[in-house]
Amino acid sequence: MKTIANLIIVLVCWCSYAQDTETPEEKVAKKELTDLYADFSYKKGILDLESKKLQDMNNARKPLADIEAQSKKERGIKKELDGLYKQYKTVKAYHLRKVAENKLDKWFPKPSNYILLDENQTDEAKSAEENATAAKENDETEKSVYIMYGDKKIADESIFKNKEAETVFKEILSVKSETCLGNFEIPGDNQKIQLYDVGYDALVNQFVCFKQVKFSIRDGNIYDIRVTVTNSEKTKEYYFENRVPISMLNYPREAKRNFLSHRSTILMDNSLTEKDEVKNSYIRISDVLTYLPNPGNNFVPDDIEYTFPTGQEEKVDNPKRRLYLLNQDTNLQNVMELRTYTDFLGLFDDTPNGIMQIEGKADFFVVPFQVGRYHPMNFFKKVSPYVHYTRLDDDHKGLTLIDNPSQPGMQMIQRPLEVIEKSYLDMGAVLDLFSFSFIKESPFNINLYYALRYQIATIERENADNINFKTLGHAAGVRFEFKRFNNFGFNFSPEFAYYNHMNKIDFMENPKNIWVFRNEAEIFYYPGASKKQSIFLRLRTFMDESDSEDSFFQLQFGYRFSIGLGSVKGKGL
């Protein structure tokens, strides 16, 4: 009986522990929501104090200037609180896929009857005319939320209210290992956008109406932003665009400080007029495109182009503000580039070039922030570690040794450059020191870089084990990038490298350290918008600076391939 009682106690304790155990998704949601709730509660307390102060000033009939100043201060705090509330709604919508709503409400209690500043229908600090306008446009301040997935596809967030659809989406997202990085928000159709003058001061009662925004993401930057707006009568279309890119890592801060400039005007009817009301005007970027990263997921997505609204929405001319959740495919094959090469000279000629070569590399962004106000410019933008393996023919993979005439009984490598030519393993990293483009529309970019290259070749011995001959190279070069189209381009990289031989071998003398002039030219192409099926044609030349007769070149054809880890991981979930 005592044993049974003990078992019951253990079972109850275990069940209690199991119920209290949180899943990894719940832990992430708990941390994000509790942190948000702490900030929200603190800001709410400050707002209550300022609102009470404004009410007391109104009751005491203080000077109008003082009341307006206090009202402006209160509205500023309310806008900050609204930002936290919008962030809460976005984070909650994302975690609802995997965490029960009652748990999310426990970590961030749902604010009762919370009204956004733009949704207030009456405000003592506003005029009756402004209140009437606000009441009329009240519906326009609500948001329609869309989730982006796959190849620029979108789905209305309300689909998750359907349990069957929710199951299907969870399966899709699990197989593709998608992570929600944040959300983009755009105005509703025909929503008013404030205009600014050349000094970036707001123009009184001068507005345009939002229609569409197009932008591209490249190397961690929202690179090219192009906005179409109209006048209130919709008889003219105005075209605005940015001058320099903005990093996604600090976009929420920098978008408020940067503006889009007017480029052109299109007449939508047959009327002719010489007057252009928006000439030399500007639009604040944050007014037409807002990006809010999710806490803990402020990372860099793939290069891609977006158009909002996409045209897939149920109602394209929706007057409500629209929110698009940005999902990123984080499969290994999507973030790491794997290539296989074959050398034409190794196939058709008796040369020591690798018949089969495999290369893997990935880009890690270090400081992807713009430093130029007039030109796209970066310092230390990214570092790209790489590994390159070459399968050499057995007849050519060993270094050629000859007797050393100055030291009897010792050997030496016949050609110092052969150490590079017959390397079967090349690994290292390339750091972009400085990146520059004349204008953002230019198809030509310049990158100054530093490369660290560790290469290994083989010394074959008849009656003993083979020996690895190791070389460390430090290189500096410039990479010119040209694009004919987004999916077709040409890269050219000349560089100087100093190779230091890192060996102590008793039967041979190390060759002298050498300077090598290296050139690499590569043409790439990939069908459609996906880089997962890219093909490459690459030419490399190497020349020993101390002996111009000692040189070689490689002509390689390459293909990017996938290793299929995404499907394997999806099936295991």
Protein backbone atom coordinates (compact mmCIF):
# COMPACT_ATOMS: atom_id res chain seq x y z
CA MET A 1 0.00 0.00 0.00
CA LYS A 2 2.86 2.33 0.85
CA THR A 3 4.46 1.63 -2.52
CA ILE A 4 1.22 2.48 -4.35
CA ALA A 5 0.90 5.74 -2.43
CA ASN A 6 4.46 6.69 -3.33
CA LEU A 7 3.79 5.91 -7.00
CA ILE A 8 0.69 8.10 -6.96
CA ILE A 9 2.66 10.99 -5.41
CA VAL A 10 5.42 10.62 -8.04
CA LEU A 11 2.82 10.48 -10.82
CA VAL A 12 1.07 13.63 -9.59
CA CYS A 13 4.37 15.49 -9.31
CA TRP A 14 5.41 14.36 -12.78
CA CYS A 15 2.10 15.47 -14.30
CA SER A 16 2.39 18.82 -12.56
CA TYR A 17 5.92 19.24 -13.87
CA ALA A 18 4.86 18.24 -17.39
CA GLN A 19 2.08 20.82 -17.34
CA ASP A 20 4.48 23.56 -16.23
CA THR A 21 7.09 22.69 -18.87
CA GLU A 22 7.14 25.25 -21.67
CA THR A 23 7.87 24.48 -25.29
CA PRO A 24 10.67 26.42 -27.06
CA GLU A 25 8.02 28.42 -28.96
CA GLU A 26 6.29 29.31 -25.69
CA LYS A 27 9.58 30.44 -24.13
CA VAL A 28 10.28 32.77 -27.06
CA ALA A 29 6.73 34.14 -27.00
CA LYS A 30 6.85 34.62 -23.23
CA LYS A 31 10.09 36.60 -23.35
CA GLU A 32 8.95 38.83 -26.21
CA LEU A 33 5.51 39.55 -24.77
CA THR A 34 6.60 40.09 -21.15
CA ASP A 35 9.28 42.55 -22.30
CA LEU A 36 6.73 44.34 -24.48
CA TYR A 37 4.20 44.45 -21.65
CA ALA A 38 6.75 46.00 -19.29
CA ASP A 39 7.48 48.76 -21.82
CA PHE A 40 3.77 49.21 -22.57
CA SER A 41 2.81 49.50 -18.89
CA TYR A 42 5.59 52.01 -18.21
CA LYS A 43 4.60 54.19 -21.17
CA LYS A 44 0.90 53.89 -20.21
CA GLY A 45 1.67 55.22 -16.72
CA ILE A 46 3.46 58.25 -18.17
CA LEU A 47 0.55 58.89 -20.55
CA ASP A 48 -1.97 58.82 -17.68
CA LEU A 49 0.06 61.42 -15.78
CA GLU A 50 0.32 63.72 -18.80
CA SER A 51 -3.41 63.31 -19.59
CA LYS A 52 -4.29 64.23 -16.00
CA LYS A 53 -2.05 67.28 -16.25
CA LEU A 54 -3.77 68.36 -19.51
CA GLN A 55 -7.20 67.92 -17.92
CA ASP A 56 -6.19 70.04 -14.92
CA MET A 57 -4.90 72.78 -17.21
CA ASN A 58 -8.20 72.82 -19.14
CA ASN A 59 -10.22 72.97 -15.90
CA ALA A 60 -8.04 75.81 -14.58
CA ARG A 61 -8.40 77.68 -17.93
CA LYS A 62 -4.65 78.03 -18.41
CA PRO A 63 -3.31 80.04 -21.38
CA LEU A 64 -4.12 78.45 -24.73
CA ALA A 65 -0.43 78.26 -25.72
CA ASP A 66 0.36 76.22 -22.58
CA ILE A 67 -2.57 73.89 -23.22
CA GLU A 68 -1.51 73.34 -26.84
CA ALA A 69 2.07 72.58 -25.75
CA GLN A 70 0.84 70.05 -23.18
CA SER A 71 -1.56 68.53 -25.73
CA LYS A 72 1.28 68.11 -28.22
CA LYS A 73 3.40 66.43 -25.56
CA GLU A 74 0.56 64.07 -24.63
CA ARG A 75 -0.06 63.13 -28.27
CA GLY A 76 3.64 62.37 -28.75
CA ILE A 77 3.59 59.92 -25.83
CA LYS A 78 0.35 58.41 -27.17
CA LYS A 79 2.00 57.80 -30.55
CA GLU A 80 4.85 55.96 -28.81
CA LEU A 81 2.30 53.87 -26.88
CA ASP A 82 0.45 53.15 -30.14
CA GLY A 83 3.70 51.88 -31.64
CA LEU A 84 4.11 49.41 -28.78
CA TYR A 85 0.48 48.33 -29.15
CA LYS A 86 0.93 47.71 -32.90
CA GLN A 87 4.08 45.71 -32.18
CA TYR A 88 2.12 43.65 -29.62
CA LYS A 89 -0.58 42.87 -32.19
CA THR A 90 2.02 41.77 -34.74
CA VAL A 91 3.98 39.57 -32.31
CA LYS A 92 0.79 38.00 -30.98
CA ALA A 93 -0.50 37.26 -34.50
CA TYR A 94 2.76 35.49 -35.33
CA HIS A 95 2.89 33.35 -32.16
CA LEU A 96 -0.79 32.36 -32.37
CA ARG A 97 0.26 29.73 -34.91
CA LYS A 98 2.05 27.66 -32.27
CA VAL A 99 1.00 29.01 -28.85
CA ALA A 100 -2.48 29.04 -27.29
CA GLU A 101 -4.10 32.49 -27.06
CA ASN A 102 -4.84 32.18 -23.33
CA LYS A 103 -1.11 31.80 -22.66
CA LEU A 104 -0.27 34.82 -24.81
CA ASP A 105 -2.90 36.87 -22.94
CA LYS A 106 -1.33 35.77 -19.67
CA TRP A 107 2.06 37.24 -20.64
CA PHE A 108 0.56 40.39 -22.17
CA PRO A 109 -2.97 40.96 -20.79
CA LYS A 110 -5.20 42.18 -23.62
CA PRO A 111 -5.75 45.96 -23.24
CA SER A 112 -9.47 46.61 -22.92
CA ASN A 113 -11.09 49.18 -25.24
CA TYR A 114 -7.72 50.40 -26.49
CA ILE A 115 -8.13 53.03 -29.21
CA LEU A 116 -5.28 54.15 -31.44
CA LEU A 117 -4.62 57.87 -31.73
CA ASP A 118 -5.69 57.86 -35.40
CA GLU A 119 -8.96 56.17 -34.43
CA ASN A 120 -10.07 58.83 -31.93
CA GLN A 121 -13.26 60.38 -33.20
CA THR A 122 -13.16 63.31 -30.79
CA ASP A 123 -10.26 65.23 -29.39
CA GLU A 124 -10.54 68.36 -27.29
CA ALA A 125 -7.42 69.76 -28.88
CA LYS A 126 -8.87 69.43 -32.40
CA SER A 127 -11.30 71.65 -34.21
CA ALA A 128 -14.81 70.52 -35.08
CA GLU A 129 -13.79 70.32 -38.73
CA GLU A 130 -10.83 68.07 -37.92
CA ASN A 131 -13.06 65.85 -35.76
CA ALA A 132 -15.51 65.48 -38.63
CA THR A 133 -12.69 64.52 -40.99
CA ALA A 134 -11.29 62.04 -38.46
CA ALA A 135 -14.72 60.44 -38.04
CA LYS A 136 -15.06 60.12 -41.80
CA GLU A 137 -11.66 58.49 -42.18
CA ASN A 138 -11.90 56.35 -39.06
CA ASP A 139 -12.32 53.13 -41.02
CA GLU A 140 -9.21 53.88 -43.08
CA THR A 141 -6.93 53.66 -40.04
CA GLU A 142 -7.74 50.02 -39.43
CA LYS A 143 -5.28 47.51 -40.82
CA SER A 144 -5.52 44.51 -43.09
CA VAL A 145 -2.82 41.97 -42.21
CA TYR A 146 -1.26 39.70 -44.85
CA ILE A 147 1.37 36.99 -44.45
CA MET A 148 4.02 36.65 -47.16
CA TYR A 149 5.39 33.17 -47.84
CA GLY A 150 7.06 31.19 -50.59
CA ASP A 151 7.67 32.99 -53.89
CA LYS A 152 6.08 36.39 -53.08
CA LYS A 153 2.72 34.78 -52.28
CA ILE A 154 0.46 36.32 -49.66
CA ALA A 155 -2.44 35.15 -47.50
CA ASP A 156 -4.88 37.12 -45.40
CA GLU A 157 -4.19 36.65 -41.70
CA SER A 158 -7.88 35.79 -41.13
CA ILE A 159 -7.28 32.44 -42.82
CA PHE A 160 -5.77 31.22 -39.54
CA LYS A 161 -9.23 31.34 -38.00
CA ASN A 162 -9.91 28.23 -40.08
CA LYS A 163 -8.36 25.25 -38.25
CA GLU A 164 -7.87 23.21 -41.41
CA ALA A 165 -6.13 26.07 -43.19
CA GLU A 166 -3.99 26.65 -40.10
CA THR A 167 -2.80 23.03 -40.24
CA VAL A 168 -1.90 23.36 -43.91
CA PHE A 169 0.05 26.58 -43.31
CA LYS A 170 1.92 25.08 -40.37
CA GLU A 171 3.00 22.20 -42.59
CA ILE A 172 4.14 24.55 -45.33
CA LEU A 173 6.08 26.75 -42.94
CA SER A 174 7.67 23.76 -41.19
CA VAL A 175 8.90 22.14 -44.40
CA LYS A 176 10.42 25.38 -45.64
CA SER A 177 11.82 26.31 -42.22
CA GLU A 178 10.46 29.83 -42.53
CA THR A 179 11.10 32.44 -39.86
CA CYS A 180 9.05 35.61 -39.48
CA LEU A 181 11.59 38.45 -39.51
CA GLY A 182 9.13 41.32 -39.12
CA ASN A 183 6.47 43.20 -41.02
CA PHE A 184 6.07 45.90 -43.64
CA GLU A 185 3.26 48.41 -43.27
CA ILE A 186 1.90 50.67 -46.02
CA PRO A 187 -0.91 53.25 -46.09
CA GLY A 188 -4.39 52.42 -47.24
CA ASP A 189 -5.48 53.17 -50.78
CA ASN A 190 -5.88 56.90 -51.39
CA GLN A 191 -4.65 57.73 -47.84
CA LYS A 192 -3.24 61.25 -47.51
CA ILE A 193 0.56 61.64 -47.40
CA GLN A 194 2.19 64.83 -46.12
CA LEU A 195 4.48 66.77 -48.50
CA TYR A 196 7.72 68.50 -47.37
CA ASP A 197 9.78 71.32 -48.87
CA VAL A 198 13.51 71.33 -49.71
CA GLY A 199 14.28 72.09 -46.06
CA TYR A 200 12.23 69.04 -45.04
CA ASP A 201 9.60 71.20 -43.32
CA ALA A 202 5.96 70.15 -43.69
CA LEU A 203 4.04 72.10 -46.33
CA VAL A 204 0.79 73.42 -44.84
CA ASN A 205 -2.30 71.67 -46.25
CA GLN A 206 -0.34 70.04 -49.07
CA PHE A 207 -0.92 66.31 -49.42
CA VAL A 208 -0.87 63.56 -52.02
CA CYS A 209 -2.78 60.27 -52.00
CA PHE A 210 -1.02 56.89 -51.73
CA LYS A 211 -1.31 54.36 -54.55
CA GLN A 212 1.66 51.95 -54.68
CA VAL A 213 5.20 51.32 -53.41
CA LYS A 214 7.89 49.18 -55.04
CA PHE A 215 11.22 48.39 -53.37
CA SER A 216 14.12 45.97 -53.57
CA ILE A 217 16.15 44.33 -50.80
CA ARG A 218 19.83 43.86 -51.61
CA ASP A 219 22.74 42.93 -49.33
CA GLY A 220 20.78 43.73 -46.18
CA ASN A 221 19.55 47.11 -47.47
CA ILE A 222 16.19 48.37 -48.67
CA TYR A 223 18.00 49.49 -51.77
CA ASP A 224 15.62 51.06 -54.24
CA ILE A 225 12.27 52.58 -53.13
CA ARG A 226 9.82 53.87 -55.74
CA VAL A 227 6.44 55.28 -54.73
CA THR A 228 3.46 56.25 -56.86
CA VAL A 229 0.98 58.77 -55.45
CA THR A 230 -1.85 60.83 -56.95
CA ASN A 231 -3.59 64.13 -56.37
CA SER A 232 -6.97 64.08 -54.63
CA GLU A 233 -8.85 64.25 -57.96
CA LYS A 234 -6.74 61.37 -59.36
CA THR A 235 -6.00 63.38 -62.50
CA LYS A 236 -2.22 63.25 -61.93
CA GLU A 237 0.24 60.59 -60.81
CA TYR A 238 3.47 61.60 -59.07
CA TYR A 239 6.55 59.45 -58.94
CA PHE A 240 8.94 59.62 -55.93
CA GLU A 241 12.11 57.65 -55.18
CA ASN A 242 15.02 57.49 -52.76
CA ARG A 243 18.63 58.48 -53.37
CA VAL A 244 20.63 56.09 -51.18
CA PRO A 245 19.74 52.70 -49.65
CA ILE A 246 18.81 52.20 -45.98
CA SER A 247 19.99 49.22 -43.94
CA MET A 248 17.19 46.97 -42.69
CA LEU A 249 18.99 46.69 -39.34
CA ASN A 250 18.38 50.37 -38.52
CA TYR A 251 15.49 51.09 -40.89
CA PRO A 252 12.94 51.91 -38.11
CA ARG A 253 15.20 54.78 -37.03
CA GLU A 254 16.63 55.96 -40.36
CA ALA A 255 13.35 55.89 -42.32
CA LYS A 256 12.11 58.85 -40.27
CA ARG A 257 15.19 60.88 -41.21
CA ASN A 258 15.22 60.12 -44.95
CA PHE A 259 12.98 61.40 -47.70
CA LEU A 260 11.86 60.45 -51.20
CA SER A 261 12.27 63.12 -53.87
CA HIS A 262 9.85 63.90 -56.70
CA ARG A 263 11.02 62.62 -60.10
CA SER A 264 8.16 62.96 -62.55
CA THR A 265 4.46 63.69 -63.04
CA ILE A 266 2.03 61.88 -65.33
CA LEU A 267 -1.27 63.39 -66.46
CA MET A 268 -4.13 60.89 -66.17
CA ASP A 269 -6.58 62.81 -68.39
CA ASN A 270 -6.46 64.92 -71.52
CA SER A 271 -6.06 68.22 -69.72
CA LEU A 272 -2.81 70.12 -70.14
CA THR A 273 -1.28 72.26 -67.46
CA GLU A 274 2.13 73.78 -66.94
CA LYS A 275 1.81 73.91 -63.18
CA ASP A 276 3.29 71.05 -61.18
CA GLU A 277 2.15 71.38 -57.55
CA VAL A 278 4.61 68.85 -56.11
CA LYS A 279 7.75 69.93 -57.97
CA ASN A 280 10.75 70.08 -55.60
CA SER A 281 8.66 68.37 -52.89
CA TYR A 282 9.59 65.40 -50.72
CA ILE A 283 7.86 62.53 -48.91
CA ARG A 284 9.09 61.05 -45.64
CA ILE A 285 9.97 57.38 -46.23
CA SER A 286 8.35 56.19 -43.01
CA ASP A 287 5.03 57.70 -44.17
CA VAL A 288 4.77 55.29 -47.11
CA LEU A 289 6.80 52.24 -45.99
CA THR A 290 7.35 51.12 -42.41
CA TYR A 291 9.43 48.08 -41.43
CA LEU A 292 9.25 46.72 -37.89
CA PRO A 293 11.54 43.73 -37.15
CA ASN A 294 10.44 41.10 -34.67
CA PRO A 295 12.49 41.08 -31.43
CA GLY A 296 15.32 38.56 -31.76
CA ASN A 297 14.82 38.17 -35.52
CA ASN A 298 16.36 41.39 -36.84
CA PHE A 299 18.35 39.59 -39.52
CA VAL A 300 19.10 40.10 -43.20
CA PRO A 301 16.77 38.41 -45.72
CA ASP A 302 17.55 37.30 -49.26
CA ASP A 303 17.79 39.75 -52.14
CA ILE A 304 14.26 40.21 -53.45
CA GLU A 305 11.88 42.80 -54.94
CA TYR A 306 8.40 43.62 -53.62
CA THR A 307 5.40 45.57 -54.88
CA PHE A 308 2.72 46.62 -52.36
CA PRO A 309 -0.15 46.16 -52.76
CA THR A 310 0.74 42.90 -54.50
CA GLY A 311 -2.49 42.53 -56.46
CA GLN A 312 -3.26 39.23 -54.72
CA GLU A 313 -5.30 40.92 -52.01
CA GLU A 314 -9.03 40.34 -51.96
CA LYS A 315 -9.53 44.10 -52.16
CA VAL A 316 -6.65 46.01 -53.77
CA ASP A 317 -8.18 49.45 -53.18
CA ASN A 318 -8.54 48.77 -49.45
CA PRO A 319 -8.76 52.08 -47.50
CA LYS A 320 -7.32 50.39 -44.38
CA ARG A 321 -3.60 50.42 -43.63
CA ARG A 322 -2.03 47.15 -44.77
CA LEU A 323 0.46 44.98 -42.90
CA TYR A 324 2.61 42.30 -44.60
CA LEU A 325 4.47 39.78 -42.44
CA LEU A 326 7.93 38.99 -43.87
CA ASN A 327 8.81 35.27 -43.73
CA GLN A 328 12.34 34.14 -44.60
CA ASP A 329 13.30 30.63 -45.75
CA THR A 330 16.17 29.66 -43.42
CA ASN A 331 17.05 26.25 -44.85
CA LEU A 332 20.79 25.55 -44.96
CA GLN A 333 20.66 25.33 -48.76
CA ASN A 334 19.11 28.78 -48.85
CA VAL A 335 21.75 30.55 -46.74
CA MET A 336 24.84 28.63 -47.89
CA GLU A 337 25.86 28.54 -51.54
CA LEU A 338 27.16 25.19 -52.77
CA ARG A 339 28.73 24.91 -56.23
CA THR A 340 30.28 22.13 -58.25
CA TYR A 341 32.83 22.88 -60.99
CA THR A 342 34.63 20.98 -63.69
CA ASP A 343 37.71 22.31 -65.49
CA PHE A 344 37.66 22.15 -69.30
CA LEU A 345 41.45 21.92 -69.43
CA GLY A 346 41.40 19.00 -67.02
CA LEU A 347 38.90 17.23 -69.28
CA PHE A 348 40.49 17.83 -72.68
CA ASP A 349 44.16 18.49 -71.94
CA ASP A 350 46.98 16.89 -69.98
CA THR A 351 47.04 19.51 -67.22
CA PRO A 352 46.85 19.26 -63.41
CA ASN A 353 43.50 21.07 -63.22
CA GLY A 354 40.77 19.49 -61.15
CA ILE A 355 38.22 17.45 -63.09
CA MET A 356 35.76 17.74 -60.20
CA GLN A 357 35.63 20.59 -57.71
CA ILE A 358 33.19 21.48 -54.93
CA GLU A 359 32.91 24.93 -53.36
CA GLY A 360 30.81 26.20 -50.48
CA LYS A 361 30.49 29.72 -49.14
CA ALA A 362 28.14 31.95 -47.15
CA ASP A 363 27.81 35.68 -46.58
CA PHE A 364 27.75 37.11 -43.06
CA PHE A 365 26.95 40.81 -42.82
CA VAL A 366 29.18 42.79 -40.46
CA VAL A 367 28.36 46.50 -40.89
CA PRO A 368 25.67 46.75 -43.63
CA PHE A 369 25.01 50.42 -42.88
CA GLN A 370 25.18 53.24 -45.40
CA VAL A 371 27.85 55.89 -44.74
CA GLY A 372 27.29 58.11 -47.79
CA ARG A 373 24.53 60.69 -48.13
CA TYR A 374 24.77 60.96 -51.91
CA HIS A 375 26.15 57.57 -53.07
CA PRO A 376 25.60 53.95 -51.95
CA MET A 377 28.68 53.34 -49.81
CA ASN A 378 29.68 50.81 -47.10
CA PHE A 379 32.70 49.99 -44.96
CA PHE A 380 33.23 46.38 -43.79
CA LYS A 381 29.86 45.33 -45.20
CA LYS A 382 30.27 41.55 -45.07
CA VAL A 383 32.66 38.64 -44.65
CA SER A 384 32.39 35.51 -46.81
CA PRO A 385 34.07 32.33 -45.52
CA TYR A 386 34.58 29.66 -48.16
CA VAL A 387 35.90 26.11 -48.71
CA HIS A 388 37.04 24.80 -52.10
CA TYR A 389 37.94 21.14 -52.64
CA THR A 390 39.57 19.91 -55.86
CA ARG A 391 39.78 16.30 -57.00
CA LEU A 392 43.04 16.12 -58.99
CA ASP A 393 44.02 13.32 -61.32
CA ASP A 394 46.34 10.80 -59.64
CA ASP A 395 49.05 11.44 -62.24
CA HIS A 396 49.20 15.16 -61.44
CA LYS A 397 48.23 15.68 -57.81
CA GLY A 398 51.76 15.52 -56.31
CA LEU A 399 54.21 18.45 -56.25
CA THR A 400 57.21 18.10 -58.57
CA LEU A 401 60.49 17.81 -56.57
CA ILE A 402 64.04 18.15 -57.93
CA ASP A 403 67.49 17.91 -56.33
CA ASN A 404 68.69 21.08 -54.66
CA PRO A 405 71.99 22.04 -56.38
CA SER A 406 73.08 24.26 -53.48
CA GLN A 407 72.43 21.62 -50.78
CA PRO A 408 73.42 18.05 -51.79
CA GLY A 409 71.02 15.40 -50.52
CA MET A 410 68.16 17.89 -50.22
CA GLN A 411 65.25 18.45 -52.56
CA MET A 412 63.24 21.48 -53.58
CA ILE A 413 59.99 22.30 -55.39
CA GLN A 414 60.67 22.90 -59.07
CA ARG A 415 58.09 25.69 -59.53
CA PRO A 416 56.97 27.71 -56.46
CA LEU A 417 53.65 28.53 -58.16
CA GLU A 418 52.90 24.80 -58.42
CA VAL A 419 51.95 24.92 -54.73
CA ILE A 420 48.91 27.00 -55.72
CA GLU A 421 48.20 25.11 -58.93
CA LYS A 422 48.07 21.68 -57.27
CA SER A 423 46.27 22.64 -54.05
CA TYR A 424 43.49 20.18 -53.35
CA LEU A 425 42.06 22.22 -50.47
CA ASP A 426 41.61 25.99 -50.44
CA MET A 427 39.74 27.62 -47.56
CA GLY A 428 39.61 31.06 -46.03
CA ALA A 429 37.50 34.20 -45.93
CA VAL A 430 36.97 37.36 -47.98
CA LEU A 431 36.22 40.62 -46.14
CA ASP A 432 34.70 43.49 -48.12
CA LEU A 433 36.54 46.57 -46.84
CA PHE A 434 34.84 49.22 -48.96
CA SER A 435 31.84 49.01 -51.30
CA PHE A 436 30.81 51.82 -53.59
CA SER A 437 28.37 52.62 -56.39
CA PHE A 438 28.01 55.94 -58.19
CA ILE A 439 24.20 55.89 -57.98
CA LYS A 440 21.76 53.27 -56.77
CA GLU A 441 20.48 52.66 -60.33
CA SER A 442 23.99 51.90 -61.59
CA PRO A 443 24.56 48.29 -62.81
CA PHE A 444 28.22 48.68 -61.81
CA ASN A 445 29.61 48.25 -58.27
CA ILE A 446 33.14 48.40 -56.85
CA ASN A 447 34.33 46.41 -53.82
CA LEU A 448 37.79 46.61 -52.24
CA TYR A 449 38.49 43.44 -50.28
CA TYR A 450 41.00 41.56 -48.16
CA ALA A 451 41.29 37.78 -48.52
CA LEU A 452 42.88 35.19 -46.27
CA ARG A 453 43.61 31.94 -48.13
CA TYR A 454 44.90 28.69 -46.58
CA GLN A 455 45.87 26.12 -49.22
CA ILE A 456 47.14 22.55 -48.99
CA ALA A 457 48.94 20.51 -51.65
CA THR A 458 50.42 16.98 -51.53
CA ILE A 459 54.02 15.77 -51.60
CA GLU A 460 54.02 12.13 -52.74
CA ARG A 461 56.69 9.68 -51.53
CA GLU A 462 57.26 6.19 -52.85
CA ASN A 463 58.04 4.32 -49.63
CA ALA A 464 56.52 6.64 -47.07
CA ASP A 465 53.29 8.44 -46.29
CA ASN A 466 52.37 11.47 -48.34
CA ILE A 467 52.98 14.88 -46.76
CA ASN A 468 50.72 17.92 -46.83
CA PHE A 469 52.43 21.13 -47.95
CA LYS A 470 50.63 24.13 -46.39
CA THR A 471 50.59 27.72 -47.60
CA LEU A 472 48.96 30.83 -46.12
CA GLY A 473 48.14 33.73 -48.41
CA HIS A 474 47.22 37.33 -47.60
CA ALA A 475 45.59 39.11 -50.52
CA ALA A 476 44.16 42.50 -51.39
CA GLY A 477 42.09 43.12 -54.47
CA VAL A 478 39.20 44.90 -56.09
CA ARG A 479 36.01 43.26 -57.35
CA PHE A 480 34.07 44.89 -60.19
CA GLU A 481 30.45 43.75 -60.47
CA PHE A 482 28.47 44.31 -63.67
CA LYS A 483 24.84 43.34 -64.27
CA ARG A 484 23.06 43.02 -67.60
CA PHE A 485 19.90 41.84 -65.87
CA ASN A 486 19.16 40.82 -62.29
CA ASN A 487 19.89 37.20 -63.20
CA PHE A 488 22.77 37.73 -65.65
CA GLY A 489 26.04 39.46 -64.84
CA PHE A 490 29.82 39.53 -64.86
CA ASN A 491 32.35 39.85 -62.02
CA PHE A 492 36.04 40.66 -62.44
CA SER A 493 38.54 40.51 -59.54
CA PRO A 494 42.26 41.30 -59.89
CA GLU A 495 44.28 40.83 -56.68
CA PHE A 496 47.83 40.65 -55.33
CA ALA A 497 48.56 37.88 -52.82
CA TYR A 498 51.59 37.16 -50.67
CA TYR A 499 52.02 33.44 -49.91
CA ASN A 500 53.94 32.29 -46.86
CA HIS A 501 54.92 28.60 -46.76
CA MET A 502 54.24 27.01 -43.35
CA ASN A 503 56.28 23.81 -43.37
CA LYS A 504 59.30 22.14 -41.74
CA ILE A 505 60.31 19.11 -43.82
CA ASP A 506 63.68 17.45 -43.14
CA PHE A 507 64.45 16.29 -46.70
CA MET A 508 63.60 19.49 -48.59
CA GLU A 509 64.07 23.24 -48.47
CA ASN A 510 60.99 25.47 -48.39
CA PRO A 511 60.61 27.63 -51.51
CA LYS A 512 60.81 31.36 -51.07
CA ASN A 513 57.67 33.24 -50.19
CA ILE A 514 56.14 34.60 -53.37
CA TRP A 515 53.90 37.39 -54.63
CA VAL A 516 51.18 36.16 -56.96
CA PHE A 517 49.10 38.27 -59.32
CA ARG A 518 45.69 36.62 -59.66
CA ASN A 519 42.77 37.49 -61.94
CA GLU A 520 39.30 36.00 -61.79
CA ALA A 521 36.52 36.66 -64.30
CA GLU A 522 33.13 35.02 -63.89
CA ILE A 523 29.86 35.12 -65.83
CA PHE A 524 26.76 33.95 -63.97
CA TYR A 525 23.18 33.24 -64.92
CA TYR A 526 20.13 31.82 -63.15
CA PRO A 527 16.66 31.24 -64.62
CA GLY A 528 13.78 33.24 -63.19
CA ALA A 529 14.16 34.92 -59.82
CA SER A 530 15.72 32.04 -57.84
CA LYS A 531 19.49 31.68 -57.51
CA LYS A 532 19.22 28.00 -56.54
CA GLN A 533 19.89 26.82 -60.09
CA SER A 534 22.67 29.20 -61.09
CA ILE A 535 25.32 28.33 -63.65
CA PHE A 536 28.80 29.88 -63.87
CA LEU A 537 31.65 30.19 -66.35
CA ARG A 538 34.88 31.19 -64.59
CA LEU A 539 38.39 31.98 -65.82
CA ARG A 540 41.29 32.25 -63.36
CA THR A 541 44.88 33.25 -64.10
CA PHE A 542 47.88 33.10 -61.74
CA MET A 543 51.35 34.58 -62.29
CA ASP A 544 54.45 34.55 -60.11
CA GLU A 545 55.58 38.19 -59.86
CA SER A 546 59.24 37.19 -59.53
CA ASP A 547 59.10 34.96 -62.62
CA SER A 548 56.63 36.04 -65.29
CA GLU A 549 57.22 32.77 -67.17
CA ASP A 550 55.77 30.82 -64.25
CA SER A 551 52.01 31.08 -64.69
CA PHE A 552 48.89 28.96 -65.25
CA PHE A 553 45.18 29.42 -65.79
CA GLN A 554 41.92 27.56 -65.15
CA LEU A 555 38.73 27.55 -67.22
CA GLN A 556 35.84 26.22 -65.17
CA PHE A 557 32.15 25.55 -65.69
CA GLY A 558 30.05 25.51 -62.49
CA TYR A 559 26.55 24.78 -61.25
CA ARG A 560 24.92 25.65 -57.95
CA PHE A 561 23.19 22.66 -56.38
CA SER A 562 20.93 21.94 -53.40
CA ILE A 563 21.52 19.26 -50.79
CA GLY A 564 17.85 18.77 -49.94
CA LEU A 565 18.08 19.28 -46.18
CA GLY A 566 14.82 21.22 -46.13
CA SER A 567 12.67 18.25 -47.06
CA VAL A 568 14.46 15.93 -44.66
CA LYS A 569 13.95 18.35 -41.79
CA GLY A 570 10.32 18.90 -42.73
CA LYS A 571 9.52 15.22 -42.62
CA GLY A 572 11.12 14.88 -39.22
CA LEU A 573 8.81 17.42 -37.60
